[in-house]
PDB file of N, CA and C in Angstrom:
ATOM      1  N   MET A   1      69.334  58.445   1.057  1.00  0.00           N
ATOM      2  CA  MET A   1      68.587  57.406   0.711  1.00  0.00           C
ATOM      3  C   MET A   1      67.863  57.630  -0.565  1.00  0.00           C
ATOM      4  N   LYS A   2      67.773  56.801  -1.561  1.00  0.00           N
ATOM      5  CA  LYS A   2      66.999  56.907  -2.814  1.00  0.00           C
ATOM      6  C   LYS A   2      65.432  57.046  -2.629  1.00  0.00           C
ATOM      7  N   LEU A   3      64.807  57.794  -3.526  1.00  0.00           N
ATOM      8  CA  LEU A   3      63.478  57.855  -3.592  1.00  0.00           C
ATOM      9  C   LEU A   3      62.676  56.664  -3.996  1.00  0.00           C
ATOM     10  N   GLY A   4      63.565  55.933  -4.918  1.00  0.00           N
ATOM     11  CA  GLY A   4      63.054  54.692  -5.479  1.00  0.00           C
ATOM     12  C   GLY A   4      62.890  53.477  -4.573  1.00  0.00           C
ATOM     13  N   THR A   5      63.874  53.386  -3.498  1.00  0.00           N
ATOM     14  CA  THR A   5      63.864  52.497  -2.591  1.00  0.00           C
ATOM     15  C   THR A   5      62.769  52.646  -1.638  1.00  0.00           C
ATOM     16  N   LEU A   6      62.115  53.915  -1.318  1.00  0.00           N
ATOM     17  CA  LEU A   6      61.052  54.124  -0.584  1.00  0.00           C
ATOM     18  C   LEU A   6      59.544  53.833  -1.268  1.00  0.00           C
ATOM     19  N   VAL A   7      59.520  53.865  -2.580  1.00  0.00           N
ATOM     20  CA  VAL A   7      58.238  53.550  -2.956  1.00  0.00           C
ATOM     21  C   VAL A   7      57.589  52.346  -2.679  1.00  0.00           C
ATOM     22  N   LYS A   8      58.056  51.245  -2.730  1.00  0.00           N
ATOM     23  CA  LYS A   8      57.583  50.012  -2.511  1.00  0.00           C
ATOM     24  C   LYS A   8      57.085  50.025  -0.987  1.00  0.00           C
ATOM     25  N   PRO A   9      57.865  50.300   0.037  1.00  0.00           N
ATOM     26  CA  PRO A   9      57.393  50.143   1.465  1.00  0.00           C
ATOM     27  C   PRO A   9      56.287  51.198   1.603  1.00  0.00           C
ATOM     28  N   VAL A  10      56.202  52.268   0.837  1.00  0.00           N
ATOM     29  CA  VAL A  10      55.112  53.275   1.200  1.00  0.00           C
ATOM     30  C   VAL A  10      53.970  52.744   0.400  1.00  0.00           C
ATOM     31  N   LEU A  11      53.941  52.042  -0.719  1.00  0.00           N
ATOM     32  CA  LEU A  11      52.705  51.451  -1.204  1.00  0.00           C
ATOM     33  C   LEU A  11      52.134  50.286  -0.504  1.00  0.00           C
ATOM     34  N   VAL A  12      53.123  49.478  -0.149  1.00  0.00           N
ATOM     35  CA  VAL A  12      52.538  48.523   0.961  1.00  0.00           C
ATOM     36  C   VAL A  12      51.724  48.885   2.141  1.00  0.00           C
ATOM     37  N   ALA A  13      52.348  50.068   2.857  1.00  0.00           N
ATOM     38  CA  ALA A  13      51.823  50.440   3.980  1.00  0.00           C
ATOM     39  C   ALA A  13      50.400  51.304   3.577  1.00  0.00           C
ATOM     40  N   ALA A  14      50.522  51.821   2.376  1.00  0.00           N
ATOM     41  CA  ALA A  14      49.107  52.536   1.920  1.00  0.00           C
ATOM     42  C   ALA A  14      48.095  51.512   1.612  1.00  0.00           C
ATOM     43  N   LEU A  15      48.580  50.332   1.131  1.00  0.00           N
ATOM     44  CA  LEU A  15      47.504  49.049   1.003  1.00  0.00           C
ATOM     45  C   LEU A  15      46.836  48.567   2.306  1.00  0.00           C
ATOM     46  N   LEU A  16      47.875  48.514   3.253  1.00  0.00           N
ATOM     47  CA  LEU A  16      47.488  47.790   4.519  1.00  0.00           C
ATOM     48  C   LEU A  16      46.503  48.871   5.201  1.00  0.00           C
ATOM     49  N   VAL A  17      46.740  50.021   5.257  1.00  0.00           N
ATOM     50  CA  VAL A  17      45.914  51.158   5.847  1.00  0.00           C
ATOM     51  C   VAL A  17      44.362  51.186   5.158  1.00  0.00           C
ATOM     52  N   SER A  18      44.557  51.120   3.636  1.00  0.00           N
ATOM     53  CA  SER A  18      43.254  51.195   2.922  1.00  0.00           C
ATOM     54  C   SER A  18      42.614  49.911   3.131  1.00  0.00           C
ATOM     55  N   GLY A  19      43.268  48.757   3.386  1.00  0.00           N
ATOM     56  CA  GLY A  19      42.509  47.369   3.505  1.00  0.00           C
ATOM     57  C   GLY A  19      41.850  47.198   4.840  1.00  0.00           C
ATOM     58  N   SER A  20      42.598  47.777   5.813  1.00  0.00           N
ATOM     59  CA  SER A  20      42.059  47.752   7.088  1.00  0.00           C
ATOM     60  C   SER A  20      40.743  48.740   7.338  1.00  0.00           C
ATOM     61  N   ALA A  21      40.762  49.696   6.508  1.00  0.00           N
ATOM     62  CA  ALA A  21      39.450  50.599   6.739  1.00  0.00           C
ATOM     63  C   ALA A  21      38.277  50.074   6.129  1.00  0.00           C
ATOM     64  N   THR A  22      38.411  49.177   5.411  1.00  0.00           N
ATOM     65  CA  THR A  22      36.913  48.680   4.811  1.00  0.00           C
ATOM     66  C   THR A  22      36.333  47.633   6.168  1.00  0.00           C
ATOM     67  N   ALA A  23      35.206  47.663   6.149  1.00  0.00           N
ATOM     68  CA  ALA A  23      34.497  47.145   7.084  1.00  0.00           C
ATOM     69  C   ALA A  23      33.898  45.559   6.656  1.00  0.00           C
ATOM     70  N   ALA A  24      34.072  44.694   7.152  1.00  0.00           N
ATOM     71  CA  ALA A  24      33.460  43.380   6.794  1.00  0.00           C
ATOM     72  C   ALA A  24      31.880  43.323   7.156  1.00  0.00           C
ATOM     73  N   PRO A  25      31.189  42.571   6.187  1.00  0.00           N
ATOM     74  CA  PRO A  25      29.766  42.874   6.480  1.00  0.00           C
ATOM     75  C   PRO A  25      29.579  41.876   7.721  1.00  0.00           C
ATOM     76  N   SER A  26      28.494  42.198   8.678  1.00  0.00           N
ATOM     77  CA  SER A  26      28.054  41.665   9.693  1.00  0.00           C
ATOM     78  C   SER A  26      27.440  40.129   9.510  1.00  0.00           C
ATOM     79  N   ALA A  27      27.620  39.458  10.482  1.00  0.00           N
ATOM     80  CA  ALA A  27      26.771  37.907  10.305  1.00  0.00           C
ATOM     81  C   ALA A  27      25.303  38.277   9.856  1.00  0.00           C
ATOM     82  N   GLN A  28      24.578  39.240  10.431  1.00  0.00           N
ATOM     83  CA  GLN A  28      23.173  39.467  10.020  1.00  0.00           C
ATOM     84  C   GLN A  28      23.242  39.937   8.723  1.00  0.00           C
ATOM     85  N   GLN A  29      23.959  40.537   8.020  1.00  0.00           N
ATOM     86  CA  GLN A  29      23.792  41.048   6.893  1.00  0.00           C
ATOM     87  C   GLN A  29      23.982  39.788   5.865  1.00  0.00           C
ATOM     88  N   VAL A  30      25.095  38.907   6.207  1.00  0.00           N
ATOM     89  CA  VAL A  30      25.353  37.781   5.439  1.00  0.00           C
ATOM     90  C   VAL A  30      24.154  36.953   5.408  1.00  0.00           C
ATOM     91  N   LEU A  31      23.615  36.592   6.648  1.00  0.00           N
ATOM     92  CA  LEU A  31      22.509  35.665   6.759  1.00  0.00           C
ATOM     93  C   LEU A  31      21.310  36.236   5.892  1.00  0.00           C
ATOM     94  N   ALA A  32      21.154  37.548   5.926  1.00  0.00           N
ATOM     95  CA  ALA A  32      20.078  38.208   5.230  1.00  0.00           C
ATOM     96  C   ALA A  32      20.075  38.003   3.751  1.00  0.00           C
ATOM     97  N   ALA A  33      21.455  37.958   3.203  1.00  0.00           N
ATOM     98  CA  ALA A  33      21.709  37.954   1.693  1.00  0.00           C
ATOM     99  C   ALA A  33      21.751  36.353   1.227  1.00  0.00           C
ATOM    100  N   SER A  34      21.977  35.561   2.240  1.00  0.00           N
ATOM    101  CA  SER A  34      22.106  34.160   1.870  1.00  0.00           C
ATOM    102  C   SER A  34      21.104  33.341   1.719  1.00  0.00           C
ATOM    103  N   PRO A  35      20.844  32.283   0.978  1.00  0.00           N
ATOM    104  CA  PRO A  35      19.429  31.446   0.859  1.00  0.00           C
ATOM    105  C   PRO A  35      19.443  30.399   1.949  1.00  0.00           C
ATOM    106  N   VAL A  36      20.068  30.470   3.028  1.00  0.00           N
ATOM    107  CA  VAL A  36      20.054  29.267   4.008  1.00  0.00           C
ATOM    108  C   VAL A  36      18.589  28.989   4.565  1.00  0.00           C
ATOM    109  N   ASP A  37      18.067  29.941   4.745  1.00  0.00           N
ATOM    110  CA  ASP A  37      16.596  29.602   5.211  1.00  0.00           C
ATOM    111  C   ASP A  37      15.792  28.766   3.953  1.00  0.00           C
ATOM    112  N   ASP A  38      15.860  29.254   2.775  1.00  0.00           N
ATOM    113  CA  ASP A  38      15.202  28.567   1.775  1.00  0.00           C
ATOM    114  C   ASP A  38      15.886  27.012   1.526  1.00  0.00           C
ATOM    115  N   ILE A  39      17.117  26.893   1.863  1.00  0.00           N
ATOM    116  CA  ILE A  39      17.834  25.537   1.362  1.00  0.00           C
ATOM    117  C   ILE A  39      17.281  24.633   2.732  1.00  0.00           C
ATOM    118  N   VAL A  40      17.254  25.097   3.774  1.00  0.00           N
ATOM    119  CA  VAL A  40      16.928  24.279   4.997  1.00  0.00           C
ATOM    120  C   VAL A  40      15.498  23.940   4.850  1.00  0.00           C
ATOM    121  N   ALA A  41      14.657  24.941   4.395  1.00  0.00           N
ATOM    122  CA  ALA A  41      13.089  24.538   4.190  1.00  0.00           C
ATOM    123  C   ALA A  41      13.035  23.406   3.034  1.00  0.00           C
ATOM    124  N   GLN A  42      13.700  23.500   1.947  1.00  0.00           N
ATOM    125  CA  GLN A  42      13.561  22.609   0.933  1.00  0.00           C
ATOM    126  C   GLN A  42      14.413  21.197   1.251  1.00  0.00           C
ATOM    127  N   TYR A  43      15.032  21.092   2.224  1.00  0.00           N
ATOM    128  CA  TYR A  43      15.979  19.811   2.769  1.00  0.00           C
ATOM    129  C   TYR A  43      15.185  18.506   2.574  1.00  0.00           C
ATOM    130  N   PRO A  44      14.042  18.525   3.469  1.00  0.00           N
ATOM    131  CA  PRO A  44      13.100  17.281   3.412  1.00  0.00           C
ATOM    132  C   PRO A  44      12.754  16.805   1.862  1.00  0.00           C
ATOM    133  N   ALA A  45      12.335  17.928   1.129  1.00  0.00           N
ATOM    134  CA  ALA A  45      11.905  17.502  -0.062  1.00  0.00           C
ATOM    135  C   ALA A  45      13.175  16.912  -0.906  1.00  0.00           C
ATOM    136  N   MET A  46      14.217  17.511  -0.647  1.00  0.00           N
ATOM    137  CA  MET A  46      15.399  17.114  -1.538  1.00  0.00           C
ATOM    138  C   MET A  46      15.805  15.668  -1.138  1.00  0.00           C
ATOM    139  N   MET A  47      15.760  15.372   0.324  1.00  0.00           N
ATOM    140  CA  MET A  47      16.237  13.965   0.372  1.00  0.00           C
ATOM    141  C   MET A  47      15.113  13.036   0.371  1.00  0.00           C
ATOM    142  N   SER A  48      14.042  13.362   0.051  1.00  0.00           N
ATOM    143  CA  SER A  48      13.130  12.190  -0.208  1.00  0.00           C
ATOM    144  C   SER A  48      13.156  12.186  -1.714  1.00  0.00           C
ATOM    145  N   GLN A  49      13.702  13.073  -2.682  1.00  0.00           N
ATOM    146  CA  GLN A  49      13.992  12.659  -4.138  1.00  0.00           C
ATOM    147  C   GLN A  49      15.025  11.797  -4.130  1.00  0.00           C
ATOM    148  N   VAL A  50      16.334  11.971  -3.331  1.00  0.00           N
ATOM    149  CA  VAL A  50      17.429  11.306  -3.338  1.00  0.00           C
ATOM    150  C   VAL A  50      16.976   9.768  -2.898  1.00  0.00           C
ATOM    151  N   SER A  51      16.055   9.722  -2.006  1.00  0.00           N
ATOM    152  CA  SER A  51      15.827   8.122  -1.272  1.00  0.00           C
ATOM    153  C   SER A  51      14.986   7.577  -2.405  1.00  0.00           C
ATOM    154  N   ALA A  52      14.248   8.345  -3.148  1.00  0.00           N
ATOM    155  CA  ALA A  52      13.273   7.866  -4.365  1.00  0.00           C
ATOM    156  C   ALA A  52      14.048   7.296  -5.369  1.00  0.00           C
ATOM    157  N   MET A  53      15.255   7.948  -5.695  1.00  0.00           N
ATOM    158  CA  MET A  53      16.181   7.739  -6.840  1.00  0.00           C
ATOM    159  C   MET A  53      17.163   6.380  -6.474  1.00  0.00           C
ATOM    160  N   ALA A  54      17.282   6.213  -5.285  1.00  0.00           N
ATOM    161  CA  ALA A  54      18.156   5.050  -4.931  1.00  0.00           C
ATOM    162  C   ALA A  54      17.613   3.772  -4.873  1.00  0.00           C
TER     163      ALA A  54
END
C-alpha cells in the first residue's frame, strides 16, 4: 500500500480525535456570559417604546 493513500484517512482520524477532546462550555457558563438577564429586565421598557411608536 502506498504511503500517499494513508495520509488522508490518518488526517481525518486525527481531526476527529482532537475535535472530540475539546470540551463544550456548560450551560451555566453560557448563561453567565450571555446578557439574557439584562434583556429580560429591559423587555417591559422596550415593549412600552414599541407601543408608543405605533
